[in-house]
Amino acid sequence: MQYTRTVLILLHKIKRMRTKIFIVLLATVAIFSSCKLKRPSLAAEFPGKVSPTIACPGQNISIEWNAEFVNADCGNNGAACKRDPLTVELTGAGGANFKQSPAALSGTYNTVIAGNEDATISLHAYDSDQDLGTASVKINVLSPGEVLNFDAVCEGVCEGDMSAWKEMTVDFKGQSLSDLIALKQLTNTNGFDIELTIYYQNGEKAIVTLKAGQTSSPFTSRIARVTATNKAAANSCKGGAAPAPIKLQTGYGCL
């Protein structure tokens, strides 16, 4: 009888011990699971800045990245969380090859684009068990004599009863141009003749008349700004309406 009771007590203690061990194991798993950092993937948009994105051969390219969002906080676990080292690779044409591990989540790297071929700069980030993907930026490298076109406009306004047009603005579509690139030519894309005033950086200016659809002669000096006039619409404001905008197509190329 006493033997049986002793055995039952011993079995009960073993059962309680197993339960405690199981609880401890569950708590340990929960702690490590909650501390596991699930980094978000890189979006298609490059997490930083590459400039210029329109360049000339031999151009120095500056690459800045900021991927701090991939290392978000581990909730309320604070210092208990351990983040896997992040590796950042930059690859591209023209010698743009760079790898850093463990990587700073933000940084700057300079490289030179060689040759006339367009280049793609890609940032690839990953840690020990997560591939965060790749984000890329294309760099348009202009060859000698190549001209890249962008739309431009001189908005029409009224100055009293007289028609006027604002200084030309160019839509570069979010691209950044090298300082080795300059305005080379202008095309009148309107259905009427226009008169352009070209202001050069050296302080000189020139008057250029372009018929509808006509392209100017190549500019040989750097241009500071451009204004335009449609003499046929000089009196538009007397009717109470601003004159129509003057639209242009610009041509940019390497110096």
C-alpha atoms as a PDB file:
ATOM      1  CA  MET A   1       0.000   0.000   0.000  1.00  0.00           C
ATOM      2  CA  GLN A   2       2.777   2.400   1.022  1.00  0.00           C
ATOM      3  CA  TYR A   3       4.757   1.409  -2.082  1.00  0.00           C
ATOM      4  CA  THR A   4       1.832   2.171  -4.395  1.00  0.00           C
ATOM      5  CA  ARG A   5       1.317   5.580  -2.799  1.00  0.00           C
ATOM      6  CA  THR A   6       5.002   6.425  -3.224  1.00  0.00           C
ATOM      7  CA  VAL A   7       4.876   5.487  -6.896  1.00  0.00           C
ATOM      8  CA  LEU A   8       1.793   7.663  -7.478  1.00  0.00           C
ATOM      9  CA  ILE A   9       3.439  10.661  -5.790  1.00  0.00           C
ATOM     10  CA  LEU A  10       6.570  10.182  -7.909  1.00  0.00           C
ATOM     11  CA  LEU A  11       4.547   9.967 -11.136  1.00  0.00           C
ATOM     12  CA  HIS A  12       2.669  13.147 -10.180  1.00  0.00           C
ATOM     13  CA  LYS A  13       5.948  15.025  -9.631  1.00  0.00           C
ATOM     14  CA  ILE A  14       7.304  13.835 -12.985  1.00  0.00           C
ATOM     15  CA  LYS A  15       4.123  15.005 -14.714  1.00  0.00           C
ATOM     16  CA  ARG A  16       4.368  18.456 -13.083  1.00  0.00           C
ATOM     17  CA  MET A  17       8.042  18.704 -14.083  1.00  0.00           C
ATOM     18  CA  ARG A  18       7.230  17.808 -17.707  1.00  0.00           C
ATOM     19  CA  THR A  19       4.518  20.483 -17.738  1.00  0.00           C
ATOM     20  CA  LYS A  20       6.950  23.128 -16.472  1.00  0.00           C
ATOM     21  CA  ILE A  21       9.560  22.147 -19.054  1.00  0.00           C
ATOM     22  CA  PHE A  22       6.934  22.332 -21.800  1.00  0.00           C
ATOM     23  CA  ILE A  23       5.837  25.803 -20.639  1.00  0.00           C
ATOM     24  CA  VAL A  24       9.462  27.010 -20.605  1.00  0.00           C
ATOM     25  CA  LEU A  25       9.995  25.666 -24.115  1.00  0.00           C
ATOM     26  CA  LEU A  26       6.850  27.402 -25.365  1.00  0.00           C
ATOM     27  CA  ALA A  27       7.958  30.701 -23.820  1.00  0.00           C
ATOM     28  CA  THR A  28      11.410  30.360 -25.389  1.00  0.00           C
ATOM     29  CA  VAL A  29       9.928  29.700 -28.830  1.00  0.00           C
ATOM     30  CA  ALA A  30       7.573  32.651 -28.428  1.00  0.00           C
ATOM     31  CA  ILE A  31      10.440  34.970 -27.493  1.00  0.00           C
ATOM     32  CA  PHE A  32      12.594  33.949 -30.463  1.00  0.00           C
ATOM     33  CA  SER A  33       9.631  34.055 -32.833  1.00  0.00           C
ATOM     34  CA  SER A  34       8.649  37.544 -31.746  1.00  0.00           C
ATOM     35  CA  CYS A  35      12.228  38.714 -32.139  1.00  0.00           C
ATOM     36  CA  LYS A  36      12.605  37.360 -35.655  1.00  0.00           C
ATOM     37  CA  LEU A  37      12.793  40.433 -37.860  1.00  0.00           C
ATOM     38  CA  LYS A  38      10.781  40.069 -41.041  1.00  0.00           C
ATOM     39  CA  ARG A  39      12.231  42.733 -43.280  1.00  0.00           C
ATOM     40  CA  PRO A  40      10.033  44.200 -46.012  1.00  0.00           C
ATOM     41  CA  SER A  41      11.164  43.702 -49.592  1.00  0.00           C
ATOM     42  CA  LEU A  42      12.624  46.452 -51.743  1.00  0.00           C
ATOM     43  CA  ALA A  43      10.045  48.166 -53.913  1.00  0.00           C
ATOM     44  CA  ALA A  44      10.518  48.591 -57.644  1.00  0.00           C
ATOM     45  CA  GLU A  45      11.495  52.209 -56.988  1.00  0.00           C
ATOM     46  CA  PHE A  46      15.166  52.652 -56.110  1.00  0.00           C
ATOM     47  CA  PRO A  47      15.468  53.470 -52.365  1.00  0.00           C
ATOM     48  CA  GLY A  48      17.700  56.451 -52.849  1.00  0.00           C
ATOM     49  CA  LYS A  49      19.097  58.645 -55.576  1.00  0.00           C
ATOM     50  CA  VAL A  50      21.289  58.075 -58.605  1.00  0.00           C
ATOM     51  CA  SER A  51      22.515  61.218 -60.335  1.00  0.00           C
ATOM     52  CA  PRO A  52      22.757  62.115 -63.061  1.00  0.00           C
ATOM     53  CA  THR A  53      20.411  59.709 -64.825  1.00  0.00           C
ATOM     54  CA  ILE A  54      21.212  61.285 -68.205  1.00  0.00           C
ATOM     55  CA  ALA A  55      24.967  61.346 -68.624  1.00  0.00           C
ATOM     56  CA  CYS A  56      27.859  61.631 -71.046  1.00  0.00           C
ATOM     57  CA  PRO A  57      30.624  59.031 -71.552  1.00  0.00           C
ATOM     58  CA  GLY A  58      33.144  59.143 -68.718  1.00  0.00           C
ATOM     59  CA  GLN A  59      30.613  60.808 -66.440  1.00  0.00           C
ATOM     60  CA  ASN A  60      30.989  60.486 -62.677  1.00  0.00           C
ATOM     61  CA  ILE A  61      27.835  58.932 -61.191  1.00  0.00           C
ATOM     62  CA  SER A  62      26.838  59.408 -57.559  1.00  0.00           C
ATOM     63  CA  ILE A  63      24.771  56.632 -55.983  1.00  0.00           C
ATOM     64  CA  GLU A  64      23.022  57.244 -52.673  1.00  0.00           C
ATOM     65  CA  TRP A  65      20.849  54.636 -50.996  1.00  0.00           C
ATOM     66  CA  ASN A  66      18.691  54.622 -47.884  1.00  0.00           C
ATOM     67  CA  ALA A  67      17.129  51.276 -47.036  1.00  0.00           C
ATOM     68  CA  GLU A  68      16.556  51.924 -43.317  1.00  0.00           C
ATOM     69  CA  PHE A  69      12.937  50.831 -43.703  1.00  0.00           C
ATOM     70  CA  VAL A  70      14.069  47.196 -44.127  1.00  0.00           C
ATOM     71  CA  ASN A  71      15.357  47.145 -40.544  1.00  0.00           C
ATOM     72  CA  ALA A  72      12.200  48.225 -38.760  1.00  0.00           C
ATOM     73  CA  ASP A  73      11.960  47.862 -34.967  1.00  0.00           C
ATOM     74  CA  CYS A  74      11.072  44.462 -33.465  1.00  0.00           C
ATOM     75  CA  GLY A  75       7.923  45.691 -31.757  1.00  0.00           C
ATOM     76  CA  ASN A  76       8.291  45.951 -27.977  1.00  0.00           C
ATOM     77  CA  ASN A  77      11.202  43.543 -27.635  1.00  0.00           C
ATOM     78  CA  GLY A  78      13.804  46.274 -27.905  1.00  0.00           C
ATOM     79  CA  ALA A  79      17.388  45.164 -27.401  1.00  0.00           C
ATOM     80  CA  ALA A  80      16.294  41.526 -27.020  1.00  0.00           C
ATOM     81  CA  CYS A  81      15.954  41.358 -30.792  1.00  0.00           C
ATOM     82  CA  LYS A  82      19.016  40.526 -32.872  1.00  0.00           C
ATOM     83  CA  ARG A  83      19.028  41.591 -36.497  1.00  0.00           C
ATOM     84  CA  ASP A  84      20.820  39.507 -39.086  1.00  0.00           C
ATOM     85  CA  PRO A  85      23.636  41.417 -40.834  1.00  0.00           C
ATOM     86  CA  LEU A  86      22.421  43.057 -44.021  1.00  0.00           C
ATOM     87  CA  THR A  87      24.407  42.745 -47.247  1.00  0.00           C
ATOM     88  CA  VAL A  88      24.147  45.442 -49.928  1.00  0.00           C
ATOM     89  CA  GLU A  89      25.445  44.944 -53.455  1.00  0.00           C
ATOM     90  CA  LEU A  90      25.629  47.628 -56.133  1.00  0.00           C
ATOM     91  CA  THR A  91      26.245  46.429 -59.651  1.00  0.00           C
ATOM     92  CA  GLY A  92      26.152  48.064 -63.051  1.00  0.00           C
ATOM     93  CA  ALA A  93      27.948  48.879 -66.246  1.00  0.00           C
ATOM     94  CA  GLY A  94      31.061  51.007 -66.339  1.00  0.00           C
ATOM     95  CA  GLY A  95      32.712  49.586 -63.246  1.00  0.00           C
ATOM     96  CA  ALA A  96      29.843  50.090 -60.814  1.00  0.00           C
ATOM     97  CA  ASN A  97      30.559  47.104 -58.597  1.00  0.00           C
ATOM     98  CA  PHE A  98      30.369  47.407 -54.845  1.00  0.00           C
ATOM     99  CA  LYS A  99      29.553  44.993 -52.012  1.00  0.00           C
ATOM    100  CA  GLN A 100      29.315  45.723 -48.315  1.00  0.00           C
ATOM    101  CA  SER A 101      28.493  43.299 -45.499  1.00  0.00           C
ATOM    102  CA  PRO A 102      27.495  44.047 -42.851  1.00  0.00           C
ATOM    103  CA  ALA A 103      26.145  47.049 -44.698  1.00  0.00           C
ATOM    104  CA  ALA A 104      25.164  50.467 -43.545  1.00  0.00           C
ATOM    105  CA  LEU A 105      21.492  50.942 -44.314  1.00  0.00           C
ATOM    106  CA  SER A 106      22.360  54.214 -46.004  1.00  0.00           C
ATOM    107  CA  GLY A 107      25.451  55.264 -47.886  1.00  0.00           C
ATOM    108  CA  THR A 108      27.043  56.872 -50.922  1.00  0.00           C
ATOM    109  CA  TYR A 109      29.177  55.397 -53.665  1.00  0.00           C
ATOM    110  CA  ASN A 110      30.751  57.082 -56.700  1.00  0.00           C
ATOM    111  CA  THR A 111      31.591  55.413 -59.973  1.00  0.00           C
ATOM    112  CA  VAL A 112      32.395  56.368 -63.568  1.00  0.00           C
ATOM    113  CA  ILE A 113      30.313  55.291 -66.560  1.00  0.00           C
ATOM    114  CA  ALA A 114      32.620  54.153 -69.356  1.00  0.00           C
ATOM    115  CA  GLY A 115      31.595  53.908 -73.009  1.00  0.00           C
ATOM    116  CA  ASN A 116      28.441  55.011 -74.803  1.00  0.00           C
ATOM    117  CA  GLU A 117      26.154  52.183 -73.712  1.00  0.00           C
ATOM    118  CA  ASP A 118      23.233  52.879 -71.384  1.00  0.00           C
ATOM    119  CA  ALA A 119      23.890  51.578 -67.876  1.00  0.00           C
ATOM    120  CA  THR A 120      21.671  50.074 -65.195  1.00  0.00           C
ATOM    121  CA  ILE A 121      22.570  50.544 -61.538  1.00  0.00           C
ATOM    122  CA  SER A 122      21.029  47.844 -59.331  1.00  0.00           C
ATOM    123  CA  LEU A 123      20.869  47.592 -55.546  1.00  0.00           C
ATOM    124  CA  HIS A 124      20.460  44.070 -54.141  1.00  0.00           C
ATOM    125  CA  ALA A 125      19.892  43.633 -50.404  1.00  0.00           C
ATOM    126  CA  TYR A 126      19.700  40.402 -48.399  1.00  0.00           C
ATOM    127  CA  ASP A 127      20.515  38.867 -45.023  1.00  0.00           C
ATOM    128  CA  SER A 128      21.173  35.297 -43.863  1.00  0.00           C
ATOM    129  CA  ASP A 129      17.727  33.957 -44.745  1.00  0.00           C
ATOM    130  CA  GLN A 130      15.822  36.740 -46.530  1.00  0.00           C
ATOM    131  CA  ASP A 131      16.340  38.037 -50.050  1.00  0.00           C
ATOM    132  CA  LEU A 132      14.904  41.548 -50.063  1.00  0.00           C
ATOM    133  CA  GLY A 133      14.993  41.820 -53.837  1.00  0.00           C
ATOM    134  CA  THR A 134      16.605  44.231 -56.266  1.00  0.00           C
ATOM    135  CA  ALA A 135      15.798  47.826 -57.198  1.00  0.00           C
ATOM    136  CA  SER A 136      17.286  49.389 -60.325  1.00  0.00           C
ATOM    137  CA  VAL A 137      17.798  52.730 -62.033  1.00  0.00           C
ATOM    138  CA  LYS A 138      18.612  53.150 -65.720  1.00  0.00           C
ATOM    139  CA  ILE A 139      21.204  55.718 -66.804  1.00  0.00           C
ATOM    140  CA  ASN A 140      20.869  57.069 -70.331  1.00  0.00           C
ATOM    141  CA  VAL A 141      24.366  57.637 -71.706  1.00  0.00           C
ATOM    142  CA  LEU A 142      24.338  59.989 -74.700  1.00  0.00           C
ATOM    143  CA  SER A 143      26.772  59.257 -77.484  1.00  0.00           C
ATOM    144  CA  PRO A 144      28.592  62.130 -79.271  1.00  0.00           C
ATOM    145  CA  GLY A 145      26.129  64.031 -81.455  1.00  0.00           C
ATOM    146  CA  GLU A 146      23.080  62.328 -79.924  1.00  0.00           C
ATOM    147  CA  VAL A 147      20.180  64.635 -78.983  1.00  0.00           C
ATOM    148  CA  LEU A 148      17.550  63.737 -76.391  1.00  0.00           C
ATOM    149  CA  ASN A 149      14.186  65.490 -76.718  1.00  0.00           C
ATOM    150  CA  PHE A 150      11.948  66.865 -73.971  1.00  0.00           C
ATOM    151  CA  ASP A 151       8.711  68.841 -74.120  1.00  0.00           C
ATOM    152  CA  ALA A 152       8.754  72.471 -73.006  1.00  0.00           C
ATOM    153  CA  VAL A 153       6.188  75.256 -72.703  1.00  0.00           C
ATOM    154  CA  CYS A 154       5.894  79.028 -72.289  1.00  0.00           C
ATOM    155  CA  GLU A 155       2.578  79.586 -70.503  1.00  0.00           C
ATOM    156  CA  GLY A 156       0.419  82.473 -71.751  1.00  0.00           C
ATOM    157  CA  VAL A 157      -0.577  85.234 -69.311  1.00  0.00           C
ATOM    158  CA  CYS A 158      -2.102  88.706 -69.427  1.00  0.00           C
ATOM    159  CA  GLU A 159      -0.214  91.806 -68.363  1.00  0.00           C
ATOM    160  CA  GLY A 160      -3.019  94.312 -68.377  1.00  0.00           C
ATOM    161  CA  ASP A 161      -4.497  94.205 -71.874  1.00  0.00           C
ATOM    162  CA  MET A 162      -1.300  92.857 -73.377  1.00  0.00           C
ATOM    163  CA  SER A 163      -0.482  89.220 -74.010  1.00  0.00           C
ATOM    164  CA  ALA A 164       2.711  87.812 -72.553  1.00  0.00           C
ATOM    165  CA  TRP A 165       4.353  84.442 -72.113  1.00  0.00           C
ATOM    166  CA  LYS A 166       6.298  83.094 -69.165  1.00  0.00           C
ATOM    167  CA  GLU A 167       9.883  81.885 -69.432  1.00  0.00           C
ATOM    168  CA  MET A 168      10.281  78.428 -70.965  1.00  0.00           C
ATOM    169  CA  THR A 169      10.049  75.481 -68.582  1.00  0.00           C
ATOM    170  CA  VAL A 170      11.144  71.971 -69.562  1.00  0.00           C
ATOM    171  CA  ASP A 171       9.560  68.699 -68.439  1.00  0.00           C
ATOM    172  CA  PHE A 172      12.512  66.404 -67.784  1.00  0.00           C
ATOM    173  CA  LYS A 173      10.148  63.649 -66.537  1.00  0.00           C
ATOM    174  CA  GLY A 174      11.983  63.296 -63.248  1.00  0.00           C
ATOM    175  CA  GLN A 175      15.385  62.774 -64.889  1.00  0.00           C
ATOM    176  CA  SER A 176      18.538  64.535 -63.697  1.00  0.00           C
ATOM    177  CA  LEU A 177      20.904  65.877 -66.357  1.00  0.00           C
ATOM    178  CA  SER A 178      24.667  65.888 -66.216  1.00  0.00           C
ATOM    179  CA  ASP A 179      26.353  69.291 -66.060  1.00  0.00           C
ATOM    180  CA  LEU A 180      28.109  68.185 -69.255  1.00  0.00           C
ATOM    181  CA  ILE A 181      24.772  68.319 -71.111  1.00  0.00           C
ATOM    182  CA  ALA A 182      23.372  71.507 -72.627  1.00  0.00           C
ATOM    183  CA  LEU A 183      20.417  72.719 -74.712  1.00  0.00           C
ATOM    184  CA  LYS A 184      21.342  72.156 -78.366  1.00  0.00           C
ATOM    185  CA  GLN A 185      18.225  73.067 -80.344  1.00  0.00           C
ATOM    186  CA  LEU A 186      14.553  74.092 -80.186  1.00  0.00           C
ATOM    187  CA  THR A 187      11.633  73.051 -82.382  1.00  0.00           C
ATOM    188  CA  ASN A 188       8.398  75.003 -82.831  1.00  0.00           C
ATOM    189  CA  THR A 189       5.631  72.406 -82.354  1.00  0.00           C
ATOM    190  CA  ASN A 190       2.790  74.933 -82.677  1.00  0.00           C
ATOM    191  CA  GLY A 191       0.621  75.631 -85.705  1.00  0.00           C
ATOM    192  CA  PHE A 192       1.836  79.237 -85.854  1.00  0.00           C
ATOM    193  CA  ASP A 193       5.098  81.166 -86.155  1.00  0.00           C
ATOM    194  CA  ILE A 194       6.916  82.222 -82.983  1.00  0.00           C
ATOM    195  CA  GLU A 195       9.753  84.505 -81.983  1.00  0.00           C
ATOM    196  CA  LEU A 196      12.295  83.257 -79.432  1.00  0.00           C
ATOM    197  CA  THR A 197      14.658  85.298 -77.321  1.00  0.00           C
ATOM    198  CA  ILE A 198      17.712  83.250 -76.392  1.00  0.00           C
ATOM    199  CA  TYR A 199      19.636  84.436 -73.326  1.00  0.00           C
ATOM    200  CA  TYR A 200      23.157  82.960 -73.193  1.00  0.00           C
ATOM    201  CA  GLN A 201      25.097  82.418 -69.988  1.00  0.00           C
ATOM    202  CA  ASN A 202      27.840  84.757 -71.228  1.00  0.00           C
ATOM    203  CA  GLY A 203      25.350  87.654 -71.144  1.00  0.00           C
ATOM    204  CA  GLU A 204      24.619  87.775 -74.874  1.00  0.00           C
ATOM    205  CA  LYS A 205      21.179  87.237 -76.385  1.00  0.00           C
ATOM    206  CA  ALA A 206      19.741  86.461 -79.799  1.00  0.00           C
ATOM    207  CA  ILE A 207      16.336  86.666 -81.496  1.00  0.00           C
ATOM    208  CA  VAL A 208      15.291  83.543 -83.420  1.00  0.00           C
ATOM    209  CA  THR A 209      12.134  83.269 -85.527  1.00  0.00           C
ATOM    210  CA  LEU A 210      10.747  79.780 -86.126  1.00  0.00           C
ATOM    211  CA  LYS A 211       7.938  78.896 -88.480  1.00  0.00           C
ATOM    212  CA  ALA A 212       5.468  76.157 -87.486  1.00  0.00           C
ATOM    213  CA  GLY A 213       7.352  72.843 -87.302  1.00  0.00           C
ATOM    214  CA  GLN A 214      10.771  74.441 -87.831  1.00  0.00           C
ATOM    215  CA  THR A 215      13.863  73.513 -85.784  1.00  0.00           C
ATOM    216  CA  SER A 216      16.513  76.056 -84.862  1.00  0.00           C
ATOM    217  CA  SER A 217      20.151  75.872 -85.890  1.00  0.00           C
ATOM    218  CA  PRO A 218      22.354  74.143 -83.268  1.00  0.00           C
ATOM    219  CA  PHE A 219      23.293  76.334 -80.313  1.00  0.00           C
ATOM    220  CA  THR A 220      27.029  76.512 -79.700  1.00  0.00           C
ATOM    221  CA  SER A 221      27.028  78.283 -76.323  1.00  0.00           C
ATOM    222  CA  ARG A 222      25.339  77.464 -73.038  1.00  0.00           C
ATOM    223  CA  ILE A 223      21.856  78.947 -72.686  1.00  0.00           C
ATOM    224  CA  ALA A 224      20.595  80.436 -69.438  1.00  0.00           C
ATOM    225  CA  ARG A 225      16.917  80.882 -70.350  1.00  0.00           C
ATOM    226  CA  VAL A 226      14.467  81.208 -73.248  1.00  0.00           C
ATOM    227  CA  THR A 227      11.361  83.331 -73.773  1.00  0.00           C
ATOM    228  CA  ALA A 228       8.857  83.146 -76.648  1.00  0.00           C
ATOM    229  CA  THR A 229       6.240  85.368 -78.307  1.00  0.00           C
ATOM    230  CA  ASN A 230       3.330  84.742 -80.666  1.00  0.00           C
ATOM    231  CA  LYS A 231       2.837  88.102 -82.318  1.00  0.00           C
ATOM    232  CA  ALA A 232      -0.441  86.968 -83.899  1.00  0.00           C
ATOM    233  CA  ALA A 233      -1.933  86.632 -80.393  1.00  0.00           C
ATOM    234  CA  ALA A 234      -0.608  89.939 -79.034  1.00  0.00           C
ATOM    235  CA  ASN A 235      -4.125  91.285 -78.427  1.00  0.00           C
ATOM    236  CA  SER A 236      -5.738  88.111 -76.994  1.00  0.00           C
ATOM    237  CA  CYS A 237      -6.092  89.597 -73.520  1.00  0.00           C
ATOM    238  CA  LYS A 238      -8.340  92.412 -74.772  1.00  0.00           C
ATOM    239  CA  GLY A 239     -11.006  89.739 -75.229  1.00  0.00           C
ATOM    240  CA  GLY A 240     -10.622  88.671 -71.604  1.00  0.00           C
ATOM    241  CA  ALA A 241      -8.749  85.399 -72.193  1.00  0.00           C
ATOM    242  CA  ALA A 242      -5.066  84.623 -71.721  1.00  0.00           C
ATOM    243  CA  PRO A 243      -3.203  83.651 -74.902  1.00  0.00           C
ATOM    244  CA  ALA A 244      -2.596  79.991 -75.687  1.00  0.00           C
ATOM    245  CA  PRO A 245       0.667  78.525 -74.396  1.00  0.00           C
ATOM    246  CA  ILE A 246       3.618  78.281 -76.761  1.00  0.00           C
ATOM    247  CA  LYS A 247       4.823  74.694 -76.951  1.00  0.00           C
ATOM    248  CA  LEU A 248       8.344  73.678 -77.850  1.00  0.00           C
ATOM    249  CA  GLN A 249      10.455  70.587 -78.183  1.00  0.00           C
ATOM    250  CA  THR A 250      13.915  70.895 -76.713  1.00  0.00           C
ATOM    251  CA  GLY A 251      16.980  68.923 -77.796  1.00  0.00           C
ATOM    252  CA  TYR A 252      19.742  68.264 -75.245  1.00  0.00           C
ATOM    253  CA  GLY A 253      23.161  66.764 -75.916  1.00  0.00           C
ATOM    254  CA  CYS A 254      26.681  66.490 -74.569  1.00  0.00           C
ATOM    255  CA  LEU A 255      28.975  69.464 -74.965  1.00  0.00           C
END
